[in-house]
Amino acid sequence: MEILPNQNTGAINNAHHPRGVTRPRQPSPEEVSFATTSNIDQSLRDLPALRVEVIERAQRLVGDPAYPPRETIRKLSHLLALAMLNE
């Protein structure tokens, strides 16, 4: 087996950075993700466990015999029928 070194790497070998010049450190994707996750976790902890007004609205709607409106049911049934025909 013969191995031939690649001597022609072009501009990459010609790059030169004088010593003492430092670039600002960029955070890794894991660090950025961790910071975002921490913010989301804190926001979730700040939310109330139950949204009482939403639960009360849902209970009212469940008890309402006119909900959902007939027009909504008709439109949904047409969409479902179209979806079934396209399968």
C-alpha atoms as a PDB file:
ATOM      1  CA  MET A   1       0.000   0.000   0.000  1.00  0.00           C
ATOM      2  CA  GLU A   2       1.399   3.370  -0.996  1.00  0.00           C
ATOM      3  CA  ILE A   3       0.413   6.544   0.903  1.00  0.00           C
ATOM      4  CA  LEU A   4       0.868   9.832  -0.919  1.00  0.00           C
ATOM      5  CA  PRO A   5       0.914  12.959   1.266  1.00  0.00           C
ATOM      6  CA  ASN A   6      -1.233  15.832   0.099  1.00  0.00           C
ATOM      7  CA  GLN A   7       1.197  18.739  -0.116  1.00  0.00           C
ATOM      8  CA  ASN A   8      -1.162  21.049  -2.008  1.00  0.00           C
ATOM      9  CA  THR A   9      -3.609  22.367   0.592  1.00  0.00           C
ATOM     10  CA  GLY A  10      -3.846  25.875  -0.830  1.00  0.00           C
ATOM     11  CA  ALA A  11      -4.640  28.911   1.304  1.00  0.00           C
ATOM     12  CA  ILE A  12      -5.145  26.938   4.489  1.00  0.00           C
ATOM     13  CA  ASN A  13      -1.387  26.515   4.986  1.00  0.00           C
ATOM     14  CA  ASN A  14      -0.822  30.212   4.302  1.00  0.00           C
ATOM     15  CA  ALA A  15      -3.084  31.434   7.092  1.00  0.00           C
ATOM     16  CA  HIS A  16      -1.108  33.222   9.795  1.00  0.00           C
ATOM     17  CA  HIS A  17      -2.266  34.624  13.114  1.00  0.00           C
ATOM     18  CA  PRO A  18       0.335  36.448  15.192  1.00  0.00           C
ATOM     19  CA  ARG A  19       0.696  35.179  18.745  1.00  0.00           C
ATOM     20  CA  GLY A  20      -1.093  37.172  21.379  1.00  0.00           C
ATOM     21  CA  VAL A  21      -4.152  37.849  19.227  1.00  0.00           C
ATOM     22  CA  THR A  22      -7.143  36.114  20.727  1.00  0.00           C
ATOM     23  CA  ARG A  23     -10.618  35.788  19.391  1.00  0.00           C
ATOM     24  CA  PRO A  24     -13.614  36.174  21.671  1.00  0.00           C
ATOM     25  CA  ARG A  25     -14.871  32.788  22.806  1.00  0.00           C
ATOM     26  CA  GLN A  26     -18.152  31.778  21.222  1.00  0.00           C
ATOM     27  CA  PRO A  27     -20.440  29.707  23.438  1.00  0.00           C
ATOM     28  CA  SER A  28     -20.988  26.184  22.252  1.00  0.00           C
ATOM     29  CA  PRO A  29     -24.493  25.174  21.120  1.00  0.00           C
ATOM     30  CA  GLU A  30     -24.830  23.116  24.309  1.00  0.00           C
ATOM     31  CA  GLU A  31     -24.176  26.188  26.472  1.00  0.00           C
ATOM     32  CA  VAL A  32     -26.654  28.315  24.528  1.00  0.00           C
ATOM     33  CA  SER A  33     -29.231  25.566  24.702  1.00  0.00           C
ATOM     34  CA  PHE A  34     -28.677  25.198  28.448  1.00  0.00           C
ATOM     35  CA  ALA A  35     -29.283  28.908  29.034  1.00  0.00           C
ATOM     36  CA  THR A  36     -32.472  28.780  26.982  1.00  0.00           C
ATOM     37  CA  THR A  37     -33.643  25.704  28.838  1.00  0.00           C
ATOM     38  CA  SER A  38     -33.062  27.401  32.173  1.00  0.00           C
ATOM     39  CA  ASN A  39     -35.190  30.365  31.093  1.00  0.00           C
ATOM     40  CA  ILE A  40     -37.972  28.085  29.896  1.00  0.00           C
ATOM     41  CA  ASP A  41     -37.874  26.076  33.121  1.00  0.00           C
ATOM     42  CA  GLN A  42     -38.165  29.256  35.158  1.00  0.00           C
ATOM     43  CA  SER A  43     -41.088  30.482  33.039  1.00  0.00           C
ATOM     44  CA  LEU A  44     -42.864  27.157  33.512  1.00  0.00           C
ATOM     45  CA  ARG A  45     -42.322  27.332  37.270  1.00  0.00           C
ATOM     46  CA  ASP A  46     -43.855  30.833  37.296  1.00  0.00           C
ATOM     47  CA  LEU A  47     -47.060  29.653  35.584  1.00  0.00           C
ATOM     48  CA  PRO A  48     -50.026  28.811  37.779  1.00  0.00           C
ATOM     49  CA  ALA A  49     -50.675  25.084  38.118  1.00  0.00           C
ATOM     50  CA  LEU A  50     -54.274  25.506  36.904  1.00  0.00           C
ATOM     51  CA  ARG A  51     -55.843  28.148  34.718  1.00  0.00           C
ATOM     52  CA  VAL A  52     -59.128  28.442  36.577  1.00  0.00           C
ATOM     53  CA  GLU A  53     -60.814  30.697  34.001  1.00  0.00           C
ATOM     54  CA  VAL A  54     -60.094  28.188  31.213  1.00  0.00           C
ATOM     55  CA  ILE A  55     -61.464  25.295  33.259  1.00  0.00           C
ATOM     56  CA  GLU A  56     -64.622  27.262  34.107  1.00  0.00           C
ATOM     57  CA  ARG A  57     -65.146  28.150  30.432  1.00  0.00           C
ATOM     58  CA  ALA A  58     -64.721  24.510  29.404  1.00  0.00           C
ATOM     59  CA  GLN A  59     -67.243  23.386  32.029  1.00  0.00           C
ATOM     60  CA  ARG A  60     -69.765  25.949  30.745  1.00  0.00           C
ATOM     61  CA  LEU A  61     -69.263  24.810  27.148  1.00  0.00           C
ATOM     62  CA  VAL A  62     -69.652  21.114  28.050  1.00  0.00           C
ATOM     63  CA  GLY A  63     -72.973  21.922  29.709  1.00  0.00           C
ATOM     64  CA  ASP A  64     -74.229  23.983  26.742  1.00  0.00           C
ATOM     65  CA  PRO A  65     -76.352  21.824  24.387  1.00  0.00           C
ATOM     66  CA  ALA A  66     -75.871  24.408  21.587  1.00  0.00           C
ATOM     67  CA  TYR A  67     -72.071  24.034  21.653  1.00  0.00           C
ATOM     68  CA  PRO A  68     -70.435  23.652  19.237  1.00  0.00           C
ATOM     69  CA  PRO A  69     -72.708  25.537  16.838  1.00  0.00           C
ATOM     70  CA  ARG A  70     -74.351  23.496  14.093  1.00  0.00           C
ATOM     71  CA  GLU A  71     -72.489  25.492  11.423  1.00  0.00           C
ATOM     72  CA  THR A  72     -69.153  24.455  12.951  1.00  0.00           C
ATOM     73  CA  ILE A  73     -70.196  20.797  12.999  1.00  0.00           C
ATOM     74  CA  ARG A  74     -71.349  21.049   9.366  1.00  0.00           C
ATOM     75  CA  LYS A  75     -68.040  22.587   8.231  1.00  0.00           C
ATOM     76  CA  LEU A  76     -66.018  19.966  10.119  1.00  0.00           C
ATOM     77  CA  SER A  77     -68.065  17.133   8.626  1.00  0.00           C
ATOM     78  CA  HIS A  78     -67.426  18.473   5.125  1.00  0.00           C
ATOM     79  CA  LEU A  79     -63.687  18.709   5.807  1.00  0.00           C
ATOM     80  CA  LEU A  80     -63.637  15.144   7.133  1.00  0.00           C
ATOM     81  CA  ALA A  81     -65.578  13.885   4.128  1.00  0.00           C
ATOM     82  CA  LEU A  82     -63.129  15.590   1.754  1.00  0.00           C
ATOM     83  CA  ALA A  83     -60.197  14.101   3.619  1.00  0.00           C
ATOM     84  CA  MET A  84     -61.728  10.627   3.396  1.00  0.00           C
ATOM     85  CA  LEU A  85     -62.303  11.016  -0.352  1.00  0.00           C
ATOM     86  CA  ASN A  86     -58.674  12.061  -0.888  1.00  0.00           C
ATOM     87  CA  GLU A  87     -57.262   8.995   0.902  1.00  0.00           C
END
